Amino acid sequence: MTTQRLEQYLRSHDVAFDTLPHDHAITALDVARRAHLAGKDVAKTVMVKVDGRLAMAVMPANEWLSLERMRQACGAKSVALANESEFIDRFPECEVGAMPPFGNLYGMDVYAADTLSHEHDIAFNAGSHDEVVRMGWNDYERLVHPRIMSMTRH
């Protein structure tokens, strides 16, 4: 189920979106498969710490985050994966690991893989492990203002 916070935000900004229910899935690639979407069409959110600050790294399900590439692209001293205990309380309305890639709604920066910006749509978990939200990339970029960079490997 889409979080109320996200749904209200999208509706208040007149964003067209649809929801795609699917069988319960944890990994982003499994979400894509169960939602009948290509891995490149489903975005996953990886929680990171950039110079000690929590942030979201958003990338296609079929790509992997390169911490070193991200560190260089950010110009940061350090980029590390965040432990679940460091962010679980930031997303109280979400199932663990199903937070939407809207850091602006949670007071954190968002870094998006440049490969996402080549797509027309973006689909992502929006609070649960059994539904994705799909919306236009341009709307996502307009609302979230992610810092787009080369930070992944295939």
C-alpha atoms as a PDB file:
ATOM      1  CA  MET A   1       0.000   0.000   0.000  1.00  0.00           C
ATOM      2  CA  THR A   2       1.307   3.432  -0.954  1.00  0.00           C
ATOM      3  CA  THR A   3       2.103   5.612   2.034  1.00  0.00           C
ATOM      4  CA  GLN A   4      -0.438   8.303   2.742  1.00  0.00           C
ATOM      5  CA  ARG A   5       2.373  10.878   2.884  1.00  0.00           C
ATOM      6  CA  LEU A   6       3.543  10.046  -0.638  1.00  0.00           C
ATOM      7  CA  GLU A   7       0.073   9.758  -2.130  1.00  0.00           C
ATOM      8  CA  GLN A   8      -0.981  13.134  -0.720  1.00  0.00           C
ATOM      9  CA  TYR A   9       2.246  14.712  -1.949  1.00  0.00           C
ATOM     10  CA  LEU A  10       1.783  13.393  -5.491  1.00  0.00           C
ATOM     11  CA  ARG A  11      -1.879  14.406  -5.620  1.00  0.00           C
ATOM     12  CA  SER A  12      -1.140  17.887  -4.246  1.00  0.00           C
ATOM     13  CA  HIS A  13       1.327  18.385  -7.114  1.00  0.00           C
ATOM     14  CA  ASP A  14      -1.098  17.036  -9.761  1.00  0.00           C
ATOM     15  CA  VAL A  15       1.174  14.105 -10.626  1.00  0.00           C
ATOM     16  CA  ALA A  16      -0.268  11.275 -12.683  1.00  0.00           C
ATOM     17  CA  PHE A  17       0.743   7.912 -11.236  1.00  0.00           C
ATOM     18  CA  ASP A  18      -0.519   4.389 -11.060  1.00  0.00           C
ATOM     19  CA  THR A  19      -0.025   1.558  -8.632  1.00  0.00           C
ATOM     20  CA  LEU A  20       0.872  -1.970  -9.633  1.00  0.00           C
ATOM     21  CA  PRO A  21       0.086  -4.674  -7.088  1.00  0.00           C
ATOM     22  CA  HIS A  22       2.271  -7.780  -7.148  1.00  0.00           C
ATOM     23  CA  ASP A  23       3.040 -10.817  -5.047  1.00  0.00           C
ATOM     24  CA  HIS A  24       5.179 -10.100  -1.992  1.00  0.00           C
ATOM     25  CA  ALA A  25       8.810  -9.493  -2.976  1.00  0.00           C
ATOM     26  CA  ILE A  26      11.826  -8.204  -1.083  1.00  0.00           C
ATOM     27  CA  THR A  27      14.615  -7.673  -3.607  1.00  0.00           C
ATOM     28  CA  ALA A  28      14.247  -5.052  -6.324  1.00  0.00           C
ATOM     29  CA  LEU A  29      14.832  -7.588  -9.103  1.00  0.00           C
ATOM     30  CA  ASP A  30      12.157  -9.847  -7.641  1.00  0.00           C
ATOM     31  CA  VAL A  31       9.807  -6.843  -7.421  1.00  0.00           C
ATOM     32  CA  ALA A  32      10.428  -6.149 -11.116  1.00  0.00           C
ATOM     33  CA  ARG A  33       9.790  -9.768 -12.066  1.00  0.00           C
ATOM     34  CA  ARG A  34       6.608 -10.046 -10.006  1.00  0.00           C
ATOM     35  CA  ALA A  35       5.313  -6.670 -11.273  1.00  0.00           C
ATOM     36  CA  HIS A  36       6.081  -7.780 -14.869  1.00  0.00           C
ATOM     37  CA  LEU A  37       8.559  -4.956 -15.413  1.00  0.00           C
ATOM     38  CA  ALA A  38      12.140  -4.977 -16.670  1.00  0.00           C
ATOM     39  CA  GLY A  39      14.860  -4.596 -14.025  1.00  0.00           C
ATOM     40  CA  LYS A  40      15.935  -1.303 -15.579  1.00  0.00           C
ATOM     41  CA  ASP A  41      12.396   0.031 -15.101  1.00  0.00           C
ATOM     42  CA  VAL A  42      12.211  -0.486 -11.320  1.00  0.00           C
ATOM     43  CA  ALA A  43      14.203   1.787  -9.040  1.00  0.00           C
ATOM     44  CA  LYS A  44      15.632   0.603  -5.746  1.00  0.00           C
ATOM     45  CA  THR A  45      16.516   2.813  -2.827  1.00  0.00           C
ATOM     46  CA  VAL A  46      19.772   2.127  -1.009  1.00  0.00           C
ATOM     47  CA  MET A  47      20.372   3.978   2.227  1.00  0.00           C
ATOM     48  CA  VAL A  48      23.866   5.440   2.486  1.00  0.00           C
ATOM     49  CA  LYS A  49      25.810   7.843   4.641  1.00  0.00           C
ATOM     50  CA  VAL A  50      27.581  10.601   2.722  1.00  0.00           C
ATOM     51  CA  ASP A  51      30.187  12.159   4.990  1.00  0.00           C
ATOM     52  CA  GLY A  52      28.151  10.819   7.919  1.00  0.00           C
ATOM     53  CA  ARG A  53      24.739  12.138   6.758  1.00  0.00           C
ATOM     54  CA  LEU A  54      21.916   9.785   5.800  1.00  0.00           C
ATOM     55  CA  ALA A  55      20.960   9.946   2.135  1.00  0.00           C
ATOM     56  CA  MET A  56      19.205   7.886  -0.519  1.00  0.00           C
ATOM     57  CA  ALA A  57      20.973   6.368  -3.499  1.00  0.00           C
ATOM     58  CA  VAL A  58      18.402   5.492  -6.160  1.00  0.00           C
ATOM     59  CA  MET A  59      19.246   3.209  -9.086  1.00  0.00           C
ATOM     60  CA  PRO A  60      17.717   0.651 -11.435  1.00  0.00           C
ATOM     61  CA  ALA A  61      17.087  -2.762  -9.889  1.00  0.00           C
ATOM     62  CA  ASN A  62      19.533  -4.394 -12.314  1.00  0.00           C
ATOM     63  CA  GLU A  63      22.466  -2.187 -11.284  1.00  0.00           C
ATOM     64  CA  TRP A  64      24.692  -2.170  -8.200  1.00  0.00           C
ATOM     65  CA  LEU A  65      25.924   0.806  -6.251  1.00  0.00           C
ATOM     66  CA  SER A  66      29.628   1.567  -6.444  1.00  0.00           C
ATOM     67  CA  LEU A  67      30.450   3.379  -3.224  1.00  0.00           C
ATOM     68  CA  GLU A  68      33.717   4.624  -4.698  1.00  0.00           C
ATOM     69  CA  ARG A  69      32.075   5.998  -7.862  1.00  0.00           C
ATOM     70  CA  MET A  70      29.443   7.691  -5.743  1.00  0.00           C
ATOM     71  CA  ARG A  71      32.059   9.150  -3.394  1.00  0.00           C
ATOM     72  CA  GLN A  72      33.982  10.597  -6.336  1.00  0.00           C
ATOM     73  CA  ALA A  73      30.840  11.957  -8.016  1.00  0.00           C
ATOM     74  CA  CYS A  74      29.713  13.597  -4.755  1.00  0.00           C
ATOM     75  CA  GLY A  75      33.122  14.966  -3.965  1.00  0.00           C
ATOM     76  CA  ALA A  76      32.661  13.429  -0.520  1.00  0.00           C
ATOM     77  CA  LYS A  77      35.316  12.195   1.875  1.00  0.00           C
ATOM     78  CA  SER A  78      33.328   9.032   2.571  1.00  0.00           C
ATOM     79  CA  VAL A  79      30.289   7.129   1.356  1.00  0.00           C
ATOM     80  CA  ALA A  80      29.178   4.017   3.214  1.00  0.00           C
ATOM     81  CA  LEU A  81      26.114   1.819   3.400  1.00  0.00           C
ATOM     82  CA  ALA A  82      23.860   2.748   6.304  1.00  0.00           C
ATOM     83  CA  ASN A  83      22.881   0.137   8.857  1.00  0.00           C
ATOM     84  CA  GLU A  84      19.171  -0.530   9.160  1.00  0.00           C
ATOM     85  CA  SER A  85      19.245   0.660  12.768  1.00  0.00           C
ATOM     86  CA  GLU A  86      20.422   4.079  11.553  1.00  0.00           C
ATOM     87  CA  PHE A  87      17.348   4.744   9.399  1.00  0.00           C
ATOM     88  CA  ILE A  88      14.475   2.446  10.363  1.00  0.00           C
ATOM     89  CA  ASP A  89      12.809   5.110  12.547  1.00  0.00           C
ATOM     90  CA  ARG A  90      12.878   7.651   9.682  1.00  0.00           C
ATOM     91  CA  PHE A  91      10.192   5.680   7.767  1.00  0.00           C
ATOM     92  CA  PRO A  92       7.572   4.704  10.362  1.00  0.00           C
ATOM     93  CA  GLU A  93       4.788   4.206   7.822  1.00  0.00           C
ATOM     94  CA  CYS A  94       6.896   1.914   5.600  1.00  0.00           C
ATOM     95  CA  GLU A  95       7.745  -1.748   5.713  1.00  0.00           C
ATOM     96  CA  VAL A  96      11.477  -2.211   6.295  1.00  0.00           C
ATOM     97  CA  GLY A  97      13.298  -1.772   2.980  1.00  0.00           C
ATOM     98  CA  ALA A  98      10.259  -0.504   1.066  1.00  0.00           C
ATOM     99  CA  MET A  99      10.760   3.231   1.522  1.00  0.00           C
ATOM    100  CA  PRO A 100       9.966   5.384  -1.515  1.00  0.00           C
ATOM    101  CA  PRO A 101      12.836   7.303  -3.155  1.00  0.00           C
ATOM    102  CA  PHE A 102      11.507  10.657  -1.943  1.00  0.00           C
ATOM    103  CA  GLY A 103      14.183  11.831   0.464  1.00  0.00           C
ATOM    104  CA  ASN A 104      12.685  15.315   0.353  1.00  0.00           C
ATOM    105  CA  LEU A 105       9.709  13.950   2.328  1.00  0.00           C
ATOM    106  CA  TYR A 106      12.060  12.590   4.981  1.00  0.00           C
ATOM    107  CA  GLY A 107      14.648  15.358   5.272  1.00  0.00           C
ATOM    108  CA  MET A 108      17.462  13.761   3.317  1.00  0.00           C
ATOM    109  CA  ASP A 109      19.347  14.199   0.065  1.00  0.00           C
ATOM    110  CA  VAL A 110      18.674  11.958  -2.916  1.00  0.00           C
ATOM    111  CA  TYR A 111      21.306  10.819  -5.395  1.00  0.00           C
ATOM    112  CA  ALA A 112      19.992   9.138  -8.551  1.00  0.00           C
ATOM    113  CA  ALA A 113      21.861   7.032 -11.071  1.00  0.00           C
ATOM    114  CA  ASP A 114      22.199   8.775 -14.408  1.00  0.00           C
ATOM    115  CA  THR A 115      20.789   5.670 -16.119  1.00  0.00           C
ATOM    116  CA  LEU A 116      17.389   6.372 -14.541  1.00  0.00           C
ATOM    117  CA  SER A 117      17.238   9.761 -16.224  1.00  0.00           C
ATOM    118  CA  HIS A 118      17.196   8.067 -19.642  1.00  0.00           C
ATOM    119  CA  GLU A 119      13.861   6.400 -18.902  1.00  0.00           C
ATOM    120  CA  HIS A 120      10.381   7.815 -19.493  1.00  0.00           C
ATOM    121  CA  ASP A 121       8.950   6.384 -16.245  1.00  0.00           C
ATOM    122  CA  ILE A 122      10.188   5.385 -12.825  1.00  0.00           C
ATOM    123  CA  ALA A 123       8.599   2.612 -10.739  1.00  0.00           C
ATOM    124  CA  PHE A 124       9.448   2.010  -7.083  1.00  0.00           C
ATOM    125  CA  ASN A 125       8.327   0.575  -3.763  1.00  0.00           C
ATOM    126  CA  ALA A 126       6.161   3.083  -1.986  1.00  0.00           C
ATOM    127  CA  GLY A 127       5.923   1.734   1.514  1.00  0.00           C
ATOM    128  CA  SER A 128       5.160  -1.948   1.036  1.00  0.00           C
ATOM    129  CA  HIS A 129       6.623  -5.071  -0.531  1.00  0.00           C
ATOM    130  CA  ASP A 130       3.523  -5.869  -2.588  1.00  0.00           C
ATOM    131  CA  GLU A 131       2.890  -2.766  -4.696  1.00  0.00           C
ATOM    132  CA  VAL A 132       4.903  -0.367  -6.821  1.00  0.00           C
ATOM    133  CA  VAL A 133       4.095   3.161  -7.883  1.00  0.00           C
ATOM    134  CA  ARG A 134       4.861   4.172 -11.453  1.00  0.00           C
ATOM    135  CA  MET A 135       5.080   7.787 -12.542  1.00  0.00           C
ATOM    136  CA  GLY A 136       6.883   9.906 -15.118  1.00  0.00           C
ATOM    137  CA  TRP A 137      10.605  10.487 -14.627  1.00  0.00           C
ATOM    138  CA  ASN A 138      10.189  14.202 -15.348  1.00  0.00           C
ATOM    139  CA  ASP A 139       7.647  14.538 -12.526  1.00  0.00           C
ATOM    140  CA  TYR A 140       9.918  12.607 -10.173  1.00  0.00           C
ATOM    141  CA  GLU A 141      12.879  14.835 -11.024  1.00  0.00           C
ATOM    142  CA  ARG A 142      10.770  17.990 -10.635  1.00  0.00           C
ATOM    143  CA  LEU A 143       9.504  16.986  -7.182  1.00  0.00           C
ATOM    144  CA  VAL A 144      12.584  15.356  -5.665  1.00  0.00           C
ATOM    145  CA  HIS A 145      15.440  17.286  -7.299  1.00  0.00           C
ATOM    146  CA  PRO A 146      17.829  14.337  -7.073  1.00  0.00           C
ATOM    147  CA  ARG A 147      21.504  14.865  -7.750  1.00  0.00           C
ATOM    148  CA  ILE A 148      22.022  12.784 -10.885  1.00  0.00           C
ATOM    149  CA  MET A 149      25.363  11.038 -11.230  1.00  0.00           C
ATOM    150  CA  SER A 150      27.250   8.017 -12.466  1.00  0.00           C
ATOM    151  CA  MET A 151      27.399   5.792  -9.384  1.00  0.00           C
ATOM    152  CA  THR A 152      26.528   2.264 -10.467  1.00  0.00           C
ATOM    153  CA  ARG A 153      27.896  -0.774 -12.202  1.00  0.00           C
ATOM    154  CA  HIS A 154      26.013  -3.421 -14.160  1.00  0.00           C
END
